[in-house]
N, C-alpha and C. Protein backbone atom coordinates (compact mmCIF):
# COMPACT_ATOMS: atom_id res chain seq x y z
N MET A 1 -18.31 -50.98 12.03
CA MET A 1 -18.60 -50.61 13.40
C MET A 1 -17.30 -50.16 14.08
N GLU A 2 -17.38 -49.10 14.82
CA GLU A 2 -16.22 -48.56 15.52
C GLU A 2 -16.52 -48.51 17.01
N THR A 3 -15.51 -48.81 17.83
CA THR A 3 -15.66 -48.72 19.28
C THR A 3 -14.78 -47.59 19.78
N LEU A 4 -15.41 -46.65 20.47
CA LEU A 4 -14.71 -45.50 21.04
C LEU A 4 -14.69 -45.67 22.55
N LYS A 5 -13.58 -45.30 23.18
CA LYS A 5 -13.48 -45.37 24.64
C LYS A 5 -13.11 -44.00 25.18
N PHE A 6 -13.78 -43.63 26.26
CA PHE A 6 -13.58 -42.32 26.88
C PHE A 6 -13.34 -42.50 28.37
N LYS A 7 -12.42 -41.72 28.90
CA LYS A 7 -12.23 -41.62 30.35
C LYS A 7 -13.25 -40.59 30.82
N THR A 8 -14.06 -40.95 31.84
CA THR A 8 -15.13 -40.05 32.28
C THR A 8 -15.10 -39.86 33.79
N ASN A 9 -16.01 -39.02 34.26
CA ASN A 9 -16.25 -38.89 35.70
C ASN A 9 -17.66 -39.38 36.04
N VAL A 10 -18.19 -40.28 35.23
CA VAL A 10 -19.48 -40.94 35.48
C VAL A 10 -19.16 -42.10 36.41
N ASN A 11 -19.43 -41.95 37.73
CA ASN A 11 -18.89 -42.94 38.65
C ASN A 11 -19.88 -43.73 39.47
N CYS A 12 -21.19 -43.61 39.19
CA CYS A 12 -22.15 -44.39 39.97
C CYS A 12 -23.43 -44.60 39.18
N GLY A 13 -24.33 -45.38 39.73
CA GLY A 13 -25.60 -45.64 39.07
C GLY A 13 -26.42 -44.38 38.85
N GLY A 14 -26.35 -43.46 39.80
CA GLY A 14 -27.07 -42.20 39.65
C GLY A 14 -26.54 -41.38 38.49
N CYS A 15 -25.21 -41.40 38.34
CA CYS A 15 -24.58 -40.69 37.22
C CYS A 15 -25.02 -41.31 35.89
N ILE A 16 -25.04 -42.64 35.85
CA ILE A 16 -25.45 -43.33 34.63
C ILE A 16 -26.90 -42.97 34.30
N ALA A 17 -27.75 -42.92 35.32
CA ALA A 17 -29.15 -42.55 35.10
C ALA A 17 -29.26 -41.14 34.53
N THR A 18 -28.37 -40.25 34.96
CA THR A 18 -28.38 -38.87 34.46
C THR A 18 -27.96 -38.79 33.00
N VAL A 19 -26.92 -39.54 32.61
CA VAL A 19 -26.42 -39.44 31.23
C VAL A 19 -27.20 -40.29 30.24
N THR A 20 -27.96 -41.28 30.73
CA THR A 20 -28.68 -42.19 29.84
C THR A 20 -29.56 -41.47 28.82
N PRO A 21 -30.47 -40.56 29.24
CA PRO A 21 -31.30 -39.92 28.21
C PRO A 21 -30.50 -39.09 27.22
N HIS A 22 -29.39 -38.52 27.66
CA HIS A 22 -28.54 -37.73 26.76
C HIS A 22 -27.88 -38.61 25.71
N LEU A 23 -27.29 -39.73 26.15
CA LEU A 23 -26.61 -40.62 25.21
C LEU A 23 -27.60 -41.37 24.31
N ASN A 24 -28.76 -41.71 24.87
CA ASN A 24 -29.75 -42.46 24.08
C ASN A 24 -30.34 -41.63 22.94
N GLN A 25 -30.27 -40.31 23.03
CA GLN A 25 -30.83 -39.47 21.97
C GLN A 25 -29.84 -39.20 20.84
N VAL A 26 -28.58 -39.59 21.02
CA VAL A 26 -27.57 -39.34 19.99
C VAL A 26 -27.70 -40.37 18.87
N LYS A 27 -28.01 -39.87 17.68
CA LYS A 27 -28.10 -40.77 16.53
C LYS A 27 -26.69 -41.23 16.16
N GLY A 28 -26.56 -42.50 15.87
CA GLY A 28 -25.25 -43.04 15.52
C GLY A 28 -24.66 -43.92 16.59
N ILE A 29 -25.20 -43.83 17.83
CA ILE A 29 -24.73 -44.73 18.88
C ILE A 29 -25.53 -46.02 18.79
N VAL A 30 -24.83 -47.13 18.60
CA VAL A 30 -25.47 -48.44 18.54
C VAL A 30 -25.65 -48.99 19.95
N LYS A 31 -24.58 -48.86 20.76
CA LYS A 31 -24.61 -49.36 22.13
C LYS A 31 -23.58 -48.60 22.94
N TRP A 32 -23.85 -48.40 24.23
CA TRP A 32 -22.87 -47.75 25.09
C TRP A 32 -22.95 -48.35 26.49
N SER A 33 -21.84 -48.24 27.23
CA SER A 33 -21.81 -48.69 28.63
C SER A 33 -20.69 -47.96 29.35
N VAL A 34 -20.84 -47.88 30.68
CA VAL A 34 -19.80 -47.27 31.51
C VAL A 34 -19.34 -48.31 32.52
N ASP A 35 -18.03 -48.51 32.60
CA ASP A 35 -17.45 -49.43 33.57
C ASP A 35 -17.10 -48.63 34.82
N THR A 36 -18.04 -48.58 35.77
CA THR A 36 -17.81 -47.79 36.98
C THR A 36 -16.86 -48.48 37.95
N SER A 37 -16.55 -49.76 37.72
CA SER A 37 -15.59 -50.45 38.59
C SER A 37 -14.15 -50.12 38.20
N ASN A 38 -13.95 -49.61 36.99
CA ASN A 38 -12.62 -49.20 36.53
C ASN A 38 -12.32 -47.81 37.12
N PRO A 39 -11.13 -47.60 37.67
CA PRO A 39 -10.80 -46.29 38.26
C PRO A 39 -10.93 -45.12 37.26
N MET A 40 -10.80 -45.41 35.97
CA MET A 40 -10.92 -44.34 34.97
C MET A 40 -12.36 -44.17 34.47
N LYS A 41 -13.30 -44.99 34.98
CA LYS A 41 -14.72 -44.87 34.62
C LYS A 41 -14.90 -44.83 33.10
N ILE A 42 -14.51 -45.92 32.46
CA ILE A 42 -14.46 -45.98 31.00
C ILE A 42 -15.85 -46.08 30.37
N LEU A 43 -16.16 -45.13 29.51
CA LEU A 43 -17.36 -45.15 28.69
C LEU A 43 -16.98 -45.78 27.36
N THR A 44 -17.65 -46.87 26.99
CA THR A 44 -17.42 -47.53 25.72
C THR A 44 -18.63 -47.29 24.83
N VAL A 45 -18.39 -46.78 23.64
CA VAL A 45 -19.47 -46.46 22.70
C VAL A 45 -19.23 -47.21 21.40
N GLU A 46 -20.23 -47.96 20.97
CA GLU A 46 -20.17 -48.60 19.65
C GLU A 46 -20.99 -47.73 18.71
N THR A 47 -20.36 -47.37 17.59
CA THR A 47 -21.00 -46.45 16.66
C THR A 47 -20.69 -46.84 15.23
N SER A 48 -21.58 -46.44 14.34
CA SER A 48 -21.34 -46.71 12.92
C SER A 48 -20.46 -45.61 12.34
N GLU A 49 -20.76 -44.38 12.63
CA GLU A 49 -19.95 -43.26 12.11
C GLU A 49 -20.29 -42.00 12.89
N LEU A 50 -19.64 -41.85 14.02
CA LEU A 50 -19.93 -40.72 14.89
C LEU A 50 -18.62 -40.06 15.29
N ASP A 51 -18.59 -38.74 15.21
CA ASP A 51 -17.42 -37.98 15.62
C ASP A 51 -17.31 -38.05 17.15
N PRO A 52 -16.15 -38.41 17.69
CA PRO A 52 -15.99 -38.49 19.15
C PRO A 52 -16.36 -37.20 19.87
N ASP A 53 -16.19 -36.06 19.21
CA ASP A 53 -16.53 -34.78 19.84
C ASP A 53 -18.01 -34.70 20.19
N VAL A 54 -18.85 -35.41 19.45
CA VAL A 54 -20.29 -35.42 19.75
C VAL A 54 -20.52 -36.05 21.13
N ILE A 55 -19.80 -37.12 21.43
CA ILE A 55 -19.93 -37.78 22.73
C ILE A 55 -19.42 -36.86 23.84
N VAL A 56 -18.27 -36.24 23.61
CA VAL A 56 -17.69 -35.33 24.60
C VAL A 56 -18.68 -34.20 24.91
N GLU A 57 -19.26 -33.60 23.88
CA GLU A 57 -20.21 -32.50 24.07
C GLU A 57 -21.51 -32.97 24.72
N THR A 58 -21.94 -34.18 24.39
CA THR A 58 -23.16 -34.73 24.98
C THR A 58 -22.99 -34.92 26.48
N LEU A 59 -21.86 -35.49 26.89
CA LEU A 59 -21.62 -35.66 28.32
C LEU A 59 -21.44 -34.31 29.01
N LYS A 60 -20.80 -33.38 28.33
CA LYS A 60 -20.62 -32.03 28.90
C LYS A 60 -21.98 -31.39 29.16
N SER A 61 -22.92 -31.56 28.23
CA SER A 61 -24.25 -30.97 28.41
C SER A 61 -25.00 -31.63 29.56
N ALA A 62 -24.62 -32.86 29.92
CA ALA A 62 -25.23 -33.56 31.05
C ALA A 62 -24.50 -33.27 32.36
N GLY A 63 -23.40 -32.50 32.27
CA GLY A 63 -22.66 -32.12 33.47
C GLY A 63 -21.48 -33.02 33.80
N TYR A 64 -21.02 -33.78 32.81
CA TYR A 64 -19.91 -34.71 33.02
C TYR A 64 -18.79 -34.45 32.03
N LYS A 65 -17.62 -35.03 32.33
CA LYS A 65 -16.45 -34.89 31.45
C LYS A 65 -16.22 -36.20 30.72
N ALA A 66 -15.68 -36.11 29.51
CA ALA A 66 -15.27 -37.29 28.77
C ALA A 66 -14.05 -36.92 27.95
N ASP A 67 -13.03 -37.75 28.03
CA ASP A 67 -11.81 -37.54 27.26
C ASP A 67 -11.58 -38.80 26.42
N LEU A 68 -11.47 -38.61 25.10
CA LEU A 68 -11.23 -39.73 24.21
C LEU A 68 -9.90 -40.37 24.55
N MET A 69 -9.91 -41.69 24.65
CA MET A 69 -8.68 -42.44 24.91
C MET A 69 -8.10 -42.89 23.59
N ALA A 70 -6.79 -43.02 23.53
CA ALA A 70 -6.11 -43.48 22.30
C ALA A 70 -6.59 -44.88 21.95
N SER A 71 -6.69 -45.13 20.66
CA SER A 71 -7.10 -46.46 20.19
C SER A 71 -6.03 -47.47 20.58
N GLU A 72 -6.50 -48.68 20.86
CA GLU A 72 -5.56 -49.74 21.27
C GLU A 72 -4.89 -50.36 20.08
C-alpha cells in the first residue's frame, strides 16, 4: 500500500462534493481524504499501484489543481 499526498485547491465541503464522484471512479484508490483545515488543502490517497499523474488529471477534469508533494 502506498500513500500519496497532493497540495490542492479543494478548500470546502462543496469542493469535496464536486471531486468525490471523480475520485471514487478511479480504480486503484483504496481510500482518499482532503484536509481542508490545512492551508495547503492536502489530499491524501491510499493506493495499491496508481500513477500520481492519474490523480492530478482526475482533479484537473473536475476543475481543481493537484501537485504531488515529496515523500516524507
